[in-house]
C-alpha atoms as a PDB file:
ATOM      1  CA  MET A   1       0.000   0.000   0.000  1.00  0.00           C
ATOM      2  CA  LYS A   2       1.194   3.526  -0.768  1.00  0.00           C
ATOM      3  CA  VAL A   3       2.002   5.572   2.335  1.00  0.00           C
ATOM      4  CA  ALA A   4       2.929   9.268   2.335  1.00  0.00           C
ATOM      5  CA  VAL A   5       5.246   9.895   5.290  1.00  0.00           C
ATOM      6  CA  PHE A   6       5.533  13.553   6.300  1.00  0.00           C
ATOM      7  CA  SER A   7       8.078  15.366   8.499  1.00  0.00           C
ATOM      8  CA  THR A   8      10.723  12.720   7.929  1.00  0.00           C
ATOM      9  CA  ARG A   9      14.403  12.850   8.718  1.00  0.00           C
ATOM     10  CA  SER A  10      17.150  10.340   7.997  1.00  0.00           C
ATOM     11  CA  TYR A  11      16.511   8.493  11.245  1.00  0.00           C
ATOM     12  CA  ASP A  12      12.791   8.137  10.468  1.00  0.00           C
ATOM     13  CA  ARG A  13      13.621   6.559   7.123  1.00  0.00           C
ATOM     14  CA  GLN A  14      16.211   4.264   8.664  1.00  0.00           C
ATOM     15  CA  PHE A  15      13.929   2.771  11.298  1.00  0.00           C
ATOM     16  CA  LEU A  16      10.762   2.724   9.169  1.00  0.00           C
ATOM     17  CA  GLU A  17      12.613   0.931   6.373  1.00  0.00           C
ATOM     18  CA  LEU A  18      13.901  -1.721   8.783  1.00  0.00           C
ATOM     19  CA  ALA A  19      10.414  -2.283  10.191  1.00  0.00           C
ATOM     20  CA  ASN A  20       8.854  -2.296   6.724  1.00  0.00           C
ATOM     21  CA  GLN A  21      11.347  -4.855   5.410  1.00  0.00           C
ATOM     22  CA  ALA A  22      10.619  -7.110   8.375  1.00  0.00           C
ATOM     23  CA  ALA A  23       6.850  -6.939   7.821  1.00  0.00           C
ATOM     24  CA  ALA A  24       5.052  -9.864   6.200  1.00  0.00           C
ATOM     25  CA  SER A  25       3.820  -7.538   3.467  1.00  0.00           C
ATOM     26  CA  ALA A  26       5.934  -4.442   2.847  1.00  0.00           C
ATOM     27  CA  HIS A  27       4.364  -1.089   2.004  1.00  0.00           C
ATOM     28  CA  ASP A  28       5.374   1.509  -0.575  1.00  0.00           C
ATOM     29  CA  LEU A  29       6.666   4.307   1.656  1.00  0.00           C
ATOM     30  CA  GLU A  30       7.258   7.707   0.088  1.00  0.00           C
ATOM     31  CA  TYR A  31       9.038  10.191   2.336  1.00  0.00           C
ATOM     32  CA  PHE A  32       8.539  13.950   2.499  1.00  0.00           C
ATOM     33  CA  GLU A  33      10.752  16.133   4.672  1.00  0.00           C
ATOM     34  CA  THR A  34       8.135  18.860   4.715  1.00  0.00           C
ATOM     35  CA  GLN A  35       5.512  19.285   7.396  1.00  0.00           C
ATOM     36  CA  LEU A  36       1.932  18.382   6.515  1.00  0.00           C
ATOM     37  CA  ASN A  37      -0.018  21.609   6.089  1.00  0.00           C
ATOM     38  CA  LYS A  38      -2.507  23.127   3.661  1.00  0.00           C
ATOM     39  CA  LYS A  39       0.260  23.905   1.166  1.00  0.00           C
ATOM     40  CA  THR A  40       1.761  20.414   1.201  1.00  0.00           C
ATOM     41  CA  ALA A  41      -1.303  18.188   1.639  1.00  0.00           C
ATOM     42  CA  SER A  42      -1.525  17.824  -2.149  1.00  0.00           C
ATOM     43  CA  LEU A  43       1.671  15.756  -2.048  1.00  0.00           C
ATOM     44  CA  ALA A  44      -0.415  12.914  -0.625  1.00  0.00           C
ATOM     45  CA  ASN A  45      -2.746  12.801  -3.631  1.00  0.00           C
ATOM     46  CA  GLY A  46      -3.633   9.168  -4.309  1.00  0.00           C
ATOM     47  CA  PHE A  47      -2.115   7.813  -1.093  1.00  0.00           C
ATOM     48  CA  PRO A  48      -4.560   5.657   0.947  1.00  0.00           C
ATOM     49  CA  CYS A  49      -2.462   6.256   4.054  1.00  0.00           C
ATOM     50  CA  VAL A  50      -0.741   9.363   5.393  1.00  0.00           C
ATOM     51  CA  CYS A  51       1.796   9.030   8.221  1.00  0.00           C
ATOM     52  CA  ILE A  52       2.454  12.116  10.367  1.00  0.00           C
ATOM     53  CA  PHE A  53       4.387  13.272  13.437  1.00  0.00           C
ATOM     54  CA  VAL A  54       3.872  15.639  16.379  1.00  0.00           C
ATOM     55  CA  ASN A  55       4.147  18.999  14.581  1.00  0.00           C
ATOM     56  CA  ASP A  56       2.216  18.153  11.425  1.00  0.00           C
ATOM     57  CA  ILE A  57      -1.044  20.027  11.014  1.00  0.00           C
ATOM     58  CA  ALA A  58      -4.063  17.765  10.663  1.00  0.00           C
ATOM     59  CA  ASP A  59      -6.852  20.272  11.154  1.00  0.00           C
ATOM     60  CA  GLU A  60     -10.233  20.135   9.433  1.00  0.00           C
ATOM     61  CA  THR A  61      -8.969  21.965   6.332  1.00  0.00           C
ATOM     62  CA  ASN A  62      -6.070  19.606   5.740  1.00  0.00           C
ATOM     63  CA  LEU A  63      -8.074  16.499   6.564  1.00  0.00           C
ATOM     64  CA  LYS A  64     -10.673  17.489   3.965  1.00  0.00           C
ATOM     65  CA  ILE A  65      -7.944  17.840   1.354  1.00  0.00           C
ATOM     66  CA  LEU A  66      -6.559  14.416   2.237  1.00  0.00           C
ATOM     67  CA  ALA A  67      -9.979  12.751   2.208  1.00  0.00           C
ATOM     68  CA  GLU A  68     -10.859  14.278  -1.160  1.00  0.00           C
ATOM     69  CA  GLN A  69      -7.584  12.919  -2.563  1.00  0.00           C
ATOM     70  CA  GLY A  70      -8.351   9.373  -1.475  1.00  0.00           C
ATOM     71  CA  THR A  71      -6.713   9.066   1.940  1.00  0.00           C
ATOM     72  CA  LYS A  72      -8.511   6.689   4.295  1.00  0.00           C
ATOM     73  CA  LEU A  73      -6.011   6.183   7.122  1.00  0.00           C
ATOM     74  CA  ILE A  74      -3.937   8.605   9.231  1.00  0.00           C
ATOM     75  CA  ALA A  75      -1.075   6.824  10.988  1.00  0.00           C
ATOM     76  CA  LEU A  76       0.520   8.805  13.808  1.00  0.00           C
ATOM     77  CA  ARG A  77       4.164   8.112  14.692  1.00  0.00           C
ATOM     78  CA  CYS A  78       3.569   9.230  18.264  1.00  0.00           C
ATOM     79  CA  ALA A  79       1.328   8.697  21.275  1.00  0.00           C
ATOM     80  CA  GLY A  80      -0.268  12.140  21.444  1.00  0.00           C
ATOM     81  CA  TYR A  81      -2.959  13.101  18.961  1.00  0.00           C
ATOM     82  CA  ASN A  82      -3.664  16.721  19.849  1.00  0.00           C
ATOM     83  CA  MET A  83      -2.443  17.766  16.370  1.00  0.00           C
ATOM     84  CA  ILE A  84      -5.417  16.098  14.676  1.00  0.00           C
ATOM     85  CA  ASP A  85      -9.036  17.257  14.599  1.00  0.00           C
ATOM     86  CA  MET A  86     -10.651  13.988  15.621  1.00  0.00           C
ATOM     87  CA  GLN A  87     -14.183  15.268  15.144  1.00  0.00           C
ATOM     88  CA  ALA A  88     -13.408  16.201  11.533  1.00  0.00           C
ATOM     89  CA  ALA A  89     -11.580  12.912  10.940  1.00  0.00           C
ATOM     90  CA  SER A  90     -14.616  10.958  12.147  1.00  0.00           C
ATOM     91  CA  GLN A  91     -17.009  12.960   9.982  1.00  0.00           C
ATOM     92  CA  LEU A  92     -14.779  12.434   6.938  1.00  0.00           C
ATOM     93  CA  GLY A  93     -14.589   8.690   7.550  1.00  0.00           C
ATOM     94  CA  LEU A  94     -10.855   8.753   8.241  1.00  0.00           C
ATOM     95  CA  LYS A  95      -9.428   6.130  10.573  1.00  0.00           C
ATOM     96  CA  VAL A  96      -6.688   7.299  12.930  1.00  0.00           C
ATOM     97  CA  VAL A  97      -4.122   5.021  14.561  1.00  0.00           C
ATOM     98  CA  ARG A  98      -1.280   5.918  16.900  1.00  0.00           C
ATOM     99  CA  VAL A  99       1.669   4.508  18.827  1.00  0.00           C
ATOM    100  CA  PRO A 100       0.302   4.477  22.381  1.00  0.00           C
ATOM    101  CA  ALA A 101       3.599   3.410  23.961  1.00  0.00           C
ATOM    102  CA  TYR A 102       7.151   3.042  22.718  1.00  0.00           C
ATOM    103  CA  SER A 103       9.817   3.627  25.360  1.00  0.00           C
ATOM    104  CA  PRO A 104       8.519   5.456  28.415  1.00  0.00           C
ATOM    105  CA  TYR A 105      12.016   5.048  29.845  1.00  0.00           C
ATOM    106  CA  ALA A 106      13.451   7.305  27.133  1.00  0.00           C
ATOM    107  CA  VAL A 107      11.273  10.272  28.090  1.00  0.00           C
ATOM    108  CA  ALA A 108      11.518   9.691  31.843  1.00  0.00           C
ATOM    109  CA  GLU A 109      15.307   9.444  31.697  1.00  0.00           C
ATOM    110  CA  HIS A 110      15.541  12.624  29.633  1.00  0.00           C
ATOM    111  CA  ALA A 111      13.511  14.490  32.257  1.00  0.00           C
ATOM    112  CA  VAL A 112      15.987  13.326  34.902  1.00  0.00           C
ATOM    113  CA  GLY A 113      18.845  14.453  32.656  1.00  0.00           C
ATOM    114  CA  LEU A 114      17.370  17.955  32.498  1.00  0.00           C
ATOM    115  CA  ILE A 115      17.103  18.035  36.290  1.00  0.00           C
ATOM    116  CA  LEU A 116      20.742  17.050  36.734  1.00  0.00           C
ATOM    117  CA  MET A 117      21.939  19.550  34.144  1.00  0.00           C
ATOM    118  CA  LEU A 118      19.990  22.425  35.680  1.00  0.00           C
ATOM    119  CA  ASN A 119      20.865  21.576  39.272  1.00  0.00           C
ATOM    120  CA  ARG A 120      24.594  20.967  38.810  1.00  0.00           C
ATOM    121  CA  LYS A 121      24.970  23.436  35.903  1.00  0.00           C
ATOM    122  CA  LEU A 122      26.585  20.736  33.786  1.00  0.00           C
ATOM    123  CA  ASN A 123      26.246  22.750  30.586  1.00  0.00           C
ATOM    124  CA  LYS A 124      28.046  25.727  32.149  1.00  0.00           C
ATOM    125  CA  ALA A 125      30.700  23.524  33.760  1.00  0.00           C
ATOM    126  CA  TYR A 126      31.429  21.777  30.461  1.00  0.00           C
ATOM    127  CA  ASN A 127      31.851  25.056  28.594  1.00  0.00           C
ATOM    128  CA  ARG A 128      34.068  26.509  31.321  1.00  0.00           C
ATOM    129  CA  VAL A 129      36.485  23.605  31.267  1.00  0.00           C
ATOM    130  CA  ARG A 130      36.594  23.763  27.465  1.00  0.00           C
ATOM    131  CA  ASP A 131      37.722  27.379  27.921  1.00  0.00           C
ATOM    132  CA  ASP A 132      40.344  26.308  30.534  1.00  0.00           C
ATOM    133  CA  ASN A 133      38.306  27.956  33.295  1.00  0.00           C
ATOM    134  CA  PHE A 134      38.300  25.696  36.343  1.00  0.00           C
ATOM    135  CA  THR A 135      36.554  27.954  38.859  1.00  0.00           C
ATOM    136  CA  LEU A 136      33.415  26.808  40.672  1.00  0.00           C
ATOM    137  CA  ASP A 137      31.721  30.145  41.290  1.00  0.00           C
ATOM    138  CA  GLY A 138      28.132  30.084  40.039  1.00  0.00           C
ATOM    139  CA  LEU A 139      27.962  26.292  39.808  1.00  0.00           C
ATOM    140  CA  LEU A 140      26.429  25.614  43.222  1.00  0.00           C
ATOM    141  CA  GLY A 141      23.704  22.954  43.234  1.00  0.00           C
ATOM    142  CA  PHE A 142      21.629  21.123  45.854  1.00  0.00           C
ATOM    143  CA  ASP A 143      21.216  17.506  46.913  1.00  0.00           C
ATOM    144  CA  LEU A 144      18.335  15.768  45.198  1.00  0.00           C
ATOM    145  CA  HIS A 145      18.235  13.484  48.244  1.00  0.00           C
ATOM    146  CA  GLU A 146      15.345  14.561  50.517  1.00  0.00           C
ATOM    147  CA  SER A 147      14.000  16.986  47.892  1.00  0.00           C
ATOM    148  CA  THR A 148      10.286  16.884  47.146  1.00  0.00           C
ATOM    149  CA  VAL A 149       9.371  16.063  43.559  1.00  0.00           C
ATOM    150  CA  GLY A 150       5.875  16.686  42.207  1.00  0.00           C
ATOM    151  CA  VAL A 151       4.803  14.476  39.315  1.00  0.00           C
ATOM    152  CA  ILE A 152       1.845  15.821  37.325  1.00  0.00           C
ATOM    153  CA  GLY A 153       0.582  12.901  35.286  1.00  0.00           C
ATOM    154  CA  THR A 154       1.322   9.445  36.672  1.00  0.00           C
ATOM    155  CA  GLY A 155       0.884   7.223  33.634  1.00  0.00           C
ATOM    156  CA  LYS A 156       3.711   5.018  32.391  1.00  0.00           C
ATOM    157  CA  ILE A 157       6.214   7.813  31.842  1.00  0.00           C
ATOM    158  CA  GLY A 158       5.364   9.713  35.013  1.00  0.00           C
ATOM    159  CA  THR A 159       5.557   6.574  37.123  1.00  0.00           C
ATOM    160  CA  ILE A 160       8.922   5.516  35.680  1.00  0.00           C
ATOM    161  CA  PHE A 161      10.206   9.057  36.273  1.00  0.00           C
ATOM    162  CA  ALA A 162       8.993   8.802  39.884  1.00  0.00           C
ATOM    163  CA  GLN A 163      10.754   5.457  40.327  1.00  0.00           C
ATOM    164  CA  ILE A 164      14.031   6.995  39.162  1.00  0.00           C
ATOM    165  CA  MET A 165      13.650   9.981  41.474  1.00  0.00           C
ATOM    166  CA  GLN A 166      12.831   7.664  44.376  1.00  0.00           C
ATOM    167  CA  GLY A 167      16.227   6.118  43.741  1.00  0.00           C
ATOM    168  CA  PHE A 168      17.788   9.503  44.487  1.00  0.00           C
ATOM    169  CA  GLY A 169      15.984   9.513  47.827  1.00  0.00           C
ATOM    170  CA  CYS A 170      13.345  12.090  46.884  1.00  0.00           C
ATOM    171  CA  HIS A 171       9.910  12.516  48.428  1.00  0.00           C
ATOM    172  CA  LEU A 172       7.234  11.992  45.770  1.00  0.00           C
ATOM    173  CA  LEU A 173       3.912  13.759  45.331  1.00  0.00           C
ATOM    174  CA  GLY A 174       1.608  12.802  42.485  1.00  0.00           C
ATOM    175  CA  TYR A 175      -1.375  14.462  40.861  1.00  0.00           C
ATOM    176  CA  ASP A 176      -3.563  12.828  38.235  1.00  0.00           C
ATOM    177  CA  VAL A 177      -7.241  12.596  37.392  1.00  0.00           C
ATOM    178  CA  TYR A 178      -6.766   8.816  37.397  1.00  0.00           C
ATOM    179  CA  THR A 179      -4.703   7.099  40.072  1.00  0.00           C
ATOM    180  CA  ASN A 180      -2.119   4.480  39.146  1.00  0.00           C
ATOM    181  CA  GLU A 181      -1.398   1.600  41.516  1.00  0.00           C
ATOM    182  CA  HIS A 182       2.153   1.402  40.177  1.00  0.00           C
ATOM    183  CA  PHE A 183       2.763   4.955  41.368  1.00  0.00           C
ATOM    184  CA  THR A 184       1.399   4.333  44.863  1.00  0.00           C
ATOM    185  CA  ALA A 185       3.506   1.164  45.040  1.00  0.00           C
ATOM    186  CA  ILE A 186       6.637   3.336  45.040  1.00  0.00           C
ATOM    187  CA  ALA A 187       7.940   3.717  48.582  1.00  0.00           C
ATOM    188  CA  GLY A 188       6.900   7.084  50.000  1.00  0.00           C
ATOM    189  CA  ALA A 189       4.853   8.172  46.964  1.00  0.00           C
ATOM    190  CA  LYS A 190       1.426   9.624  47.568  1.00  0.00           C
ATOM    191  CA  TYR A 191      -1.307  11.436  45.686  1.00  0.00           C
ATOM    192  CA  VAL A 192      -2.284  14.973  46.676  1.00  0.00           C
ATOM    193  CA  ASP A 193      -4.426  17.648  45.109  1.00  0.00           C
ATOM    194  CA  LEU A 194      -2.785  20.037  42.671  1.00  0.00           C
ATOM    195  CA  PRO A 195      -2.486  23.067  45.017  1.00  0.00           C
ATOM    196  CA  GLU A 196      -0.669  20.958  47.618  1.00  0.00           C
ATOM    197  CA  LEU A 197       1.705  19.541  45.014  1.00  0.00           C
ATOM    198  CA  LEU A 198       2.487  23.019  43.709  1.00  0.00           C
ATOM    199  CA  ALA A 199       3.061  24.418  47.206  1.00  0.00           C
ATOM    200  CA  LYS A 200       5.316  21.636  48.507  1.00  0.00           C
ATOM    201  CA  SER A 201       7.409  20.553  45.501  1.00  0.00           C
ATOM    202  CA  ASP A 202      11.016  21.619  44.972  1.00  0.00           C
ATOM    203  CA  ILE A 203      10.850  20.099  41.484  1.00  0.00           C
ATOM    204  CA  ILE A 204       7.711  19.810  39.338  1.00  0.00           C
ATOM    205  CA  SER A 205       7.753  17.544  36.285  1.00  0.00           C
ATOM    206  CA  LEU A 206       4.925  17.405  33.738  1.00  0.00           C
ATOM    207  CA  HIS A 207       3.965  14.038  32.263  1.00  0.00           C
ATOM    208  CA  CYS A 208       0.313  14.533  31.340  1.00  0.00           C
ATOM    209  CA  PRO A 209      -1.337  14.630  27.893  1.00  0.00           C
ATOM    210  CA  LEU A 210      -2.494  17.841  26.246  1.00  0.00           C
ATOM    211  CA  LEU A 211      -6.245  18.091  26.670  1.00  0.00           C
ATOM    212  CA  PRO A 212      -8.619  21.056  26.962  1.00  0.00           C
ATOM    213  CA  SER A 213      -8.427  20.576  30.732  1.00  0.00           C
ATOM    214  CA  THR A 214      -4.608  20.638  30.780  1.00  0.00           C
ATOM    215  CA  HIS A 215      -3.973  23.396  28.241  1.00  0.00           C
ATOM    216  CA  ASN A 216      -1.810  26.044  29.981  1.00  0.00           C
ATOM    217  CA  LEU A 217      -1.967  24.071  33.203  1.00  0.00           C
ATOM    218  CA  ILE A 218       1.100  26.038  34.229  1.00  0.00           C
ATOM    219  CA  ASN A 219      -0.066  29.644  34.198  1.00  0.00           C
ATOM    220  CA  GLN A 220       0.092  32.841  36.244  1.00  0.00           C
ATOM    221  CA  GLU A 221      -2.212  31.472  38.957  1.00  0.00           C
ATOM    222  CA  THR A 222      -0.627  28.054  39.349  1.00  0.00           C
ATOM    223  CA  ILE A 223       2.873  29.579  39.352  1.00  0.00           C
ATOM    224  CA  LYS A 224       1.833  31.831  42.261  1.00  0.00           C
ATOM    225  CA  GLN A 225       1.090  28.670  44.275  1.00  0.00           C
ATOM    226  CA  MET A 226       4.600  27.233  43.770  1.00  0.00           C
ATOM    227  CA  LYS A 227       7.573  27.360  46.123  1.00  0.00           C
ATOM    228  CA  GLN A 228      10.052  30.173  45.648  1.00  0.00           C
ATOM    229  CA  GLY A 229      12.849  28.977  43.364  1.00  0.00           C
ATOM    230  CA  VAL A 230      11.007  25.871  42.119  1.00  0.00           C
ATOM    231  CA  MET A 231      12.402  23.795  39.252  1.00  0.00           C
ATOM    232  CA  LEU A 232       9.941  23.203  36.395  1.00  0.00           C
ATOM    233  CA  ILE A 233      10.445  20.354  33.904  1.00  0.00           C
ATOM    234  CA  ASN A 234       8.305  19.677  30.830  1.00  0.00           C
ATOM    235  CA  THR A 235       8.962  16.720  28.522  1.00  0.00           C
ATOM    236  CA  SER A 236       5.317  16.207  27.605  1.00  0.00           C
ATOM    237  CA  ARG A 237       3.577  18.848  25.453  1.00  0.00           C
ATOM    238  CA  GLY A 238       4.523  22.483  25.008  1.00  0.00           C
ATOM    239  CA  GLN A 239       1.032  23.877  25.391  1.00  0.00           C
ATOM    240  CA  LEU A 240       0.766  22.581  28.941  1.00  0.00           C
ATOM    241  CA  VAL A 241       2.784  25.681  29.791  1.00  0.00           C
ATOM    242  CA  ASP A 242       1.954  29.356  29.330  1.00  0.00           C
ATOM    243  CA  THR A 243       5.428  30.450  28.247  1.00  0.00           C
ATOM    244  CA  ARG A 244       4.933  34.139  29.001  1.00  0.00           C
ATOM    245  CA  ALA A 245       3.772  33.276  32.522  1.00  0.00           C
ATOM    246  CA  VAL A 246       6.894  31.148  33.009  1.00  0.00           C
ATOM    247  CA  ILE A 247       9.101  34.019  31.812  1.00  0.00           C
ATOM    248  CA  ASP A 248       7.437  36.308  34.357  1.00  0.00           C
ATOM    249  CA  GLY A 249       8.024  33.650  37.015  1.00  0.00           C
ATOM    250  CA  ILE A 250      11.723  33.470  36.099  1.00  0.00           C
ATOM    251  CA  LYS A 251      12.064  37.252  36.303  1.00  0.00           C
ATOM    252  CA  THR A 252      10.561  37.387  39.798  1.00  0.00           C
ATOM    253  CA  GLY A 253      12.594  34.419  41.032  1.00  0.00           C
ATOM    254  CA  LYS A 254       9.509  32.335  41.759  1.00  0.00           C
ATOM    255  CA  ILE A 255      10.800  29.853  39.179  1.00  0.00           C
ATOM    256  CA  GLY A 256      14.470  29.122  39.769  1.00  0.00           C
ATOM    257  CA  TYR A 257      15.100  26.603  36.992  1.00  0.00           C
ATOM    258  CA  VAL A 258      13.325  25.574  33.784  1.00  0.00           C
ATOM    259  CA  GLY A 259      14.023  22.460  31.731  1.00  0.00           C
ATOM    260  CA  LEU A 260      12.010  22.025  28.533  1.00  0.00           C
ATOM    261  CA  ASP A 261      12.029  19.444  25.778  1.00  0.00           C
ATOM    262  CA  VAL A 262       8.873  20.919  24.265  1.00  0.00           C
ATOM    263  CA  TYR A 263       7.717  24.454  23.529  1.00  0.00           C
ATOM    264  CA  GLU A 264       4.320  26.069  23.112  1.00  0.00           C
ATOM    265  CA  GLU A 265       4.974  27.199  19.510  1.00  0.00           C
ATOM    266  CA  GLU A 266       7.513  24.544  18.558  1.00  0.00           C
ATOM    267  CA  GLU A 267       5.911  23.504  15.266  1.00  0.00           C
ATOM    268  CA  GLU A 268       7.614  26.441  13.531  1.00  0.00           C
ATOM    269  CA  LEU A 269      11.007  25.702  15.088  1.00  0.00           C
ATOM    270  CA  PHE A 270      11.789  22.183  16.157  1.00  0.00           C
ATOM    271  CA  PHE A 271      13.276  19.590  13.779  1.00  0.00           C
ATOM    272  CA  GLN A 272      14.587  22.421  11.570  1.00  0.00           C
ATOM    273  CA  ASP A 273      18.046  24.003  11.224  1.00  0.00           C
ATOM    274  CA  TYR A 274      17.999  27.773  11.720  1.00  0.00           C
ATOM    275  CA  SER A 275      21.697  28.095  12.581  1.00  0.00           C
ATOM    276  CA  ASP A 276      22.325  30.309   9.554  1.00  0.00           C
ATOM    277  CA  GLY A 277      19.158  32.369   9.988  1.00  0.00           C
ATOM    278  CA  ILE A 278      17.322  34.511  12.504  1.00  0.00           C
ATOM    279  CA  ILE A 279      14.548  33.068  14.633  1.00  0.00           C
ATOM    280  CA  GLN A 280      11.550  35.384  14.564  1.00  0.00           C
ATOM    281  CA  ASP A 281       9.909  33.986  17.702  1.00  0.00           C
ATOM    282  CA  GLU A 282      10.783  36.671  20.266  1.00  0.00           C
ATOM    283  CA  THR A 283       9.245  34.736  23.143  1.00  0.00           C
ATOM    284  CA  PHE A 284      11.466  31.727  22.467  1.00  0.00           C
ATOM    285  CA  GLN A 285      14.530  33.937  22.089  1.00  0.00           C
ATOM    286  CA  LEU A 286      13.813  35.599  25.415  1.00  0.00           C
ATOM    287  CA  LEU A 287      13.196  32.277  27.119  1.00  0.00           C
ATOM    288  CA  GLN A 288      16.478  30.750  26.046  1.00  0.00           C
ATOM    289  CA  SER A 289      18.412  33.883  27.019  1.00  0.00           C
ATOM    290  CA  PHE A 290      18.045  33.055  30.730  1.00  0.00           C
ATOM    291  CA  GLN A 291      21.003  31.277  32.314  1.00  0.00           C
ATOM    292  CA  ASN A 292      18.715  29.043  34.394  1.00  0.00           C
ATOM    293  CA  VAL A 293      16.823  27.655  31.386  1.00  0.00           C
ATOM    294  CA  VAL A 294      17.796  24.542  29.422  1.00  0.00           C
ATOM    295  CA  ILE A 295      15.886  23.707  26.235  1.00  0.00           C
ATOM    296  CA  THR A 296      16.219  20.603  24.085  1.00  0.00           C
ATOM    297  CA  ALA A 297      14.378  20.245  20.779  1.00  0.00           C
ATOM    298  CA  HIS A 298      11.794  17.516  21.442  1.00  0.00           C
ATOM    299  CA  GLN A 299      14.423  14.796  21.711  1.00  0.00           C
ATOM    300  CA  ALA A 300      13.268  13.019  24.884  1.00  0.00           C
ATOM    301  CA  PHE A 301      11.852  10.167  22.780  1.00  0.00           C
ATOM    302  CA  PHE A 302      15.012   9.936  20.686  1.00  0.00           C
ATOM    303  CA  THR A 303      16.608   6.594  21.544  1.00  0.00           C
ATOM    304  CA  LYS A 304      17.163   3.635  19.239  1.00  0.00           C
ATOM    305  CA  ASP A 305      14.819   1.582  21.432  1.00  0.00           C
ATOM    306  CA  ALA A 306      12.017   4.113  21.095  1.00  0.00           C
ATOM    307  CA  LEU A 307      12.496   4.648  17.347  1.00  0.00           C
ATOM    308  CA  THR A 308      12.470   0.891  16.772  1.00  0.00           C
ATOM    309  CA  ALA A 309       9.213   0.518  18.710  1.00  0.00           C
ATOM    310  CA  ILE A 310       7.609   3.517  16.973  1.00  0.00           C
ATOM    311  CA  ALA A 311       8.485   2.210  13.520  1.00  0.00           C
ATOM    312  CA  GLN A 312       7.370  -1.352  14.247  1.00  0.00           C
ATOM    313  CA  THR A 313       4.034  -0.255  15.721  1.00  0.00           C
ATOM    314  CA  THR A 314       3.421   2.225  12.896  1.00  0.00           C
ATOM    315  CA  ILE A 315       3.994  -0.412  10.208  1.00  0.00           C
ATOM    316  CA  ALA A 316       1.886  -2.934  12.147  1.00  0.00           C
ATOM    317  CA  ASN A 317      -0.961  -0.396  12.436  1.00  0.00           C
ATOM    318  CA  ILE A 318      -0.913   0.245   8.692  1.00  0.00           C
ATOM    319  CA  SER A 319      -0.819  -3.490   7.927  1.00  0.00           C
ATOM    320  CA  SER A 320      -3.755  -4.179  10.252  1.00  0.00           C
ATOM    321  CA  TRP A 321      -5.875  -1.588   8.457  1.00  0.00           C
ATOM    322  CA  GLU A 322      -4.882  -2.869   5.006  1.00  0.00           C
ATOM    323  CA  GLN A 323      -5.762  -6.449   5.986  1.00  0.00           C
ATOM    324  CA  GLY A 324      -9.075  -5.447   7.559  1.00  0.00           C
ATOM    325  CA  ASN A 325      -8.041  -6.549  11.040  1.00  0.00           C
ATOM    326  CA  GLU A 326      -9.070  -4.952  14.309  1.00  0.00           C
ATOM    327  CA  LEU A 327      -7.264  -1.662  14.911  1.00  0.00           C
ATOM    328  CA  THR A 328      -6.093  -2.083  18.481  1.00  0.00           C
ATOM    329  CA  ASN A 329      -4.346   1.302  18.413  1.00  0.00           C
ATOM    330  CA  GLU A 330      -7.193   3.258  16.843  1.00  0.00           C
ATOM    331  CA  VAL A 331      -7.931   6.717  18.215  1.00  0.00           C
ATOM    332  CA  LYS A 332     -11.637   7.225  18.734  1.00  0.00           C
ATOM    333  CA  ILE A 333     -13.541  10.329  19.757  1.00  0.00           C
ATOM    334  CA  PRO A 334     -15.392   9.967  23.086  1.00  0.00           C
ATOM    335  CA  VAL A 335     -19.049   9.020  22.813  1.00  0.00           C
ATOM    336  CA  ALA A 336     -21.323  11.479  24.604  1.00  0.00           C
ATOM    337  CA  ASN A 337     -23.512   9.992  27.310  1.00  0.00           C
END
């Protein structure tokens, strides 16, 4: 089956090709480096399946174009599906499948890496030594042992992150609409309401999906409830955080450290090379100008284990649809009661 794969890089091709070759029936994959948007949707003309990633735009306009061109299946190479208008997809008769889990360890470990870098100023220390500067002024950190870590979102990733932090000897507070027995099984971990988590946590890490109820979960009001000098980590979705509110929090000292692998307006930036140009996003430029901010470009998922799992599940999802089998990873819109 012909599959148009958008937003691809060399590593996407490498792992998708390996998974496709190993499949019982290989597909005809055509790769496009460009993002899916209203200007590029025509590239998928005649393709029954379109495969997209986190920053592709699958709104009603683009989905209509795809459907009119013969697309029947949208295969997501990720767990989140906030980029797709599910109501429009359902009305257009488009099936949507995703990769619900790949390597939760990859994302959890990256969050811990951001914490260590921010706390011990590893980026600054590395650059100093490269410049033959061996002074320690300005590199003071704190013991993670006995610190209180708030985990917002205690699914697979959040729980694995909590397990790692428990290994450092941290106290763990969790907040989630749905409780997870694996989280409460961690020694010393307990659920609290959101205001208590915000007020007591030295480190707050976000591991929840982007939903209408979680959009800008971190905002002016919730930041006011946090401890002075709190560390904020986000490896989930950029729009969980009101970036301007975080910048204000940094300026006042309420937020002492920020580690981000995602950004509110990242679709115009991440996975692109702007090293020879000028970034027009003034908010992003201001954010990364602070010495206590570390930003990585949506790479928390980026391990060979995760890419292997993503590719294998994506190819399996496409094969299941082609063969008329049950779509175990189908995304469905909630049915109103």
